[in-house]
Amino acid sequence: MKNKFNISKEELENYKNIDFNKLKNMDINSIRLEDLKDINDIEIDDSLPYELKVLKFIQQIKNPYFFKVDDVIVNSTYNDPKENIYIEDCLNK
């Protein structure tokens, strides 16, 4: 069964089962550059709804908190203090 974003229930469940706390709390010293996805390789259709863009981003980047830009490891956070929206919240809609 597909939802309004044309994602199967199984695919959506896969995203909901991601342990974002584990990904977010990884030790940057234990991360290998070659294991990370390069943000330059990520392609997302701008015409998609916000929630689907988030899903497509996660699908491609694998770990939204640690990725690389060329040969640099990036540790990123996704909290807008004004709205208190977390990436996990987007997946639970």
C-alpha atoms as a PDB file:
ATOM      1  CA  MET A   1       0.000   0.000   0.000  1.00  0.00           C
ATOM      2  CA  LYS A   2       1.330   3.402  -0.960  1.00  0.00           C
ATOM      3  CA  ASN A   3       0.861   6.647   0.958  1.00  0.00           C
ATOM      4  CA  LYS A   4       0.483  10.184  -0.395  1.00  0.00           C
ATOM      5  CA  PHE A   5       4.208  10.240  -1.236  1.00  0.00           C
ATOM      6  CA  ASN A   6       4.002   7.021  -3.221  1.00  0.00           C
ATOM      7  CA  ILE A   7       6.283   5.173  -0.803  1.00  0.00           C
ATOM      8  CA  SER A   8       5.539   1.608   0.110  1.00  0.00           C
ATOM      9  CA  LYS A   9       4.642   0.806   3.696  1.00  0.00           C
ATOM     10  CA  GLU A  10       7.723  -1.423   3.925  1.00  0.00           C
ATOM     11  CA  GLU A  11      10.030   1.327   2.717  1.00  0.00           C
ATOM     12  CA  LEU A  12       8.536   3.788   5.177  1.00  0.00           C
ATOM     13  CA  GLU A  13       8.950   1.255   8.001  1.00  0.00           C
ATOM     14  CA  ASN A  14      12.625   0.889   7.082  1.00  0.00           C
ATOM     15  CA  TYR A  15      13.101   4.598   7.682  1.00  0.00           C
ATOM     16  CA  LYS A  16      11.166   4.520  10.924  1.00  0.00           C
ATOM     17  CA  ASN A  17      13.416   1.735  12.184  1.00  0.00           C
ATOM     18  CA  ILE A  18      16.600   3.731  11.730  1.00  0.00           C
ATOM     19  CA  ASP A  19      18.275   4.414  15.062  1.00  0.00           C
ATOM     20  CA  PHE A  20      18.972   8.112  14.594  1.00  0.00           C
ATOM     21  CA  ASN A  21      20.398   8.487  18.088  1.00  0.00           C
ATOM     22  CA  LYS A  22      23.008   5.892  17.274  1.00  0.00           C
ATOM     23  CA  LEU A  23      23.876   7.628  14.002  1.00  0.00           C
ATOM     24  CA  LYS A  24      23.965  11.041  15.654  1.00  0.00           C
ATOM     25  CA  ASN A  25      26.141   9.910  18.563  1.00  0.00           C
ATOM     26  CA  MET A  26      28.806   8.119  16.579  1.00  0.00           C
ATOM     27  CA  ASP A  27      32.355   8.958  17.570  1.00  0.00           C
ATOM     28  CA  ILE A  28      33.850  11.001  14.758  1.00  0.00           C
ATOM     29  CA  ASN A  29      37.247   9.458  15.520  1.00  0.00           C
ATOM     30  CA  SER A  30      35.915   6.011  14.673  1.00  0.00           C
ATOM     31  CA  ILE A  31      34.489   7.027  11.307  1.00  0.00           C
ATOM     32  CA  ARG A  32      36.419   6.193   8.179  1.00  0.00           C
ATOM     33  CA  LEU A  33      36.278   8.633   5.297  1.00  0.00           C
ATOM     34  CA  GLU A  34      35.840   5.855   2.755  1.00  0.00           C
ATOM     35  CA  ASP A  35      32.693   4.630   4.544  1.00  0.00           C
ATOM     36  CA  LEU A  36      30.881   7.937   4.170  1.00  0.00           C
ATOM     37  CA  LYS A  37      28.738   9.197   1.322  1.00  0.00           C
ATOM     38  CA  ASP A  38      29.812  12.382  -0.408  1.00  0.00           C
ATOM     39  CA  ILE A  39      27.193  15.137  -0.212  1.00  0.00           C
ATOM     40  CA  ASN A  40      28.200  16.194  -3.730  1.00  0.00           C
ATOM     41  CA  ASP A  41      26.761  12.930  -5.040  1.00  0.00           C
ATOM     42  CA  ILE A  42      23.314  13.481  -3.538  1.00  0.00           C
ATOM     43  CA  GLU A  43      20.568  14.422  -5.980  1.00  0.00           C
ATOM     44  CA  ILE A  44      17.068  15.344  -4.867  1.00  0.00           C
ATOM     45  CA  ASP A  45      14.186  16.578  -6.973  1.00  0.00           C
ATOM     46  CA  ASP A  46      13.304  20.106  -5.781  1.00  0.00           C
ATOM     47  CA  SER A  47       9.695  19.647  -6.804  1.00  0.00           C
ATOM     48  CA  LEU A  48       9.090  16.934  -4.202  1.00  0.00           C
ATOM     49  CA  PRO A  49       7.269  17.674  -0.946  1.00  0.00           C
ATOM     50  CA  TYR A  50       9.484  18.426   2.041  1.00  0.00           C
ATOM     51  CA  GLU A  51       8.903  15.081   3.794  1.00  0.00           C
ATOM     52  CA  LEU A  52       9.768  13.136   0.675  1.00  0.00           C
ATOM     53  CA  LYS A  53      12.922  15.200   0.169  1.00  0.00           C
ATOM     54  CA  VAL A  54      13.980  14.222   3.688  1.00  0.00           C
ATOM     55  CA  LEU A  55      13.356  10.542   2.936  1.00  0.00           C
ATOM     56  CA  LYS A  56      15.245  10.705  -0.343  1.00  0.00           C
ATOM     57  CA  PHE A  57      18.139  12.458   1.370  1.00  0.00           C
ATOM     58  CA  ILE A  58      18.351   9.791   4.075  1.00  0.00           C
ATOM     59  CA  GLN A  59      18.083   7.041   1.496  1.00  0.00           C
ATOM     60  CA  GLN A  60      21.105   8.395  -0.362  1.00  0.00           C
ATOM     61  CA  ILE A  61      23.296   9.743   2.439  1.00  0.00           C
ATOM     62  CA  LYS A  62      22.760   6.771   4.819  1.00  0.00           C
ATOM     63  CA  ASN A  63      23.823   8.766   7.875  1.00  0.00           C
ATOM     64  CA  PRO A  64      22.512  12.349   7.825  1.00  0.00           C
ATOM     65  CA  TYR A  65      24.752  13.338  10.750  1.00  0.00           C
ATOM     66  CA  PHE A  66      28.072  12.246   9.240  1.00  0.00           C
ATOM     67  CA  PHE A  67      28.988  12.510   5.600  1.00  0.00           C
ATOM     68  CA  LYS A  68      31.856  13.848   3.571  1.00  0.00           C
ATOM     69  CA  VAL A  69      32.498  16.767   1.271  1.00  0.00           C
ATOM     70  CA  ASP A  70      35.323  15.713  -0.974  1.00  0.00           C
ATOM     71  CA  ASP A  71      37.922  14.530   1.567  1.00  0.00           C
ATOM     72  CA  VAL A  72      36.500  16.254   4.645  1.00  0.00           C
ATOM     73  CA  ILE A  73      34.303  14.549   7.238  1.00  0.00           C
ATOM     74  CA  VAL A  74      31.294  16.654   8.200  1.00  0.00           C
ATOM     75  CA  ASN A  75      29.344  16.242  11.433  1.00  0.00           C
ATOM     76  CA  SER A  76      25.983  17.920  11.030  1.00  0.00           C
ATOM     77  CA  THR A  77      22.952  18.617  13.215  1.00  0.00           C
ATOM     78  CA  TYR A  78      19.365  19.182  12.120  1.00  0.00           C
ATOM     79  CA  ASN A  79      17.620  21.128  14.812  1.00  0.00           C
ATOM     80  CA  ASP A  80      15.925  24.452  14.198  1.00  0.00           C
ATOM     81  CA  PRO A  81      15.648  25.964  17.699  1.00  0.00           C
ATOM     82  CA  LYS A  82      12.633  28.042  16.666  1.00  0.00           C
ATOM     83  CA  GLU A  83      10.606  25.032  15.608  1.00  0.00           C
ATOM     84  CA  ASN A  84      12.223  22.103  17.439  1.00  0.00           C
ATOM     85  CA  ILE A  85      11.750  19.843  14.451  1.00  0.00           C
ATOM     86  CA  TYR A  86      13.985  16.812  14.324  1.00  0.00           C
ATOM     87  CA  ILE A  87      14.630  14.524  11.394  1.00  0.00           C
ATOM     88  CA  GLU A  88      12.933  11.725  13.363  1.00  0.00           C
ATOM     89  CA  ASP A  89       9.745  13.788  13.541  1.00  0.00           C
ATOM     90  CA  CYS A  90       9.559  14.052   9.777  1.00  0.00           C
ATOM     91  CA  LEU A  91       9.553  10.282   9.481  1.00  0.00           C
ATOM     92  CA  ASN A  92       6.793   9.808  12.035  1.00  0.00           C
ATOM     93  CA  LYS A  93       4.193  11.859  10.169  1.00  0.00           C
END
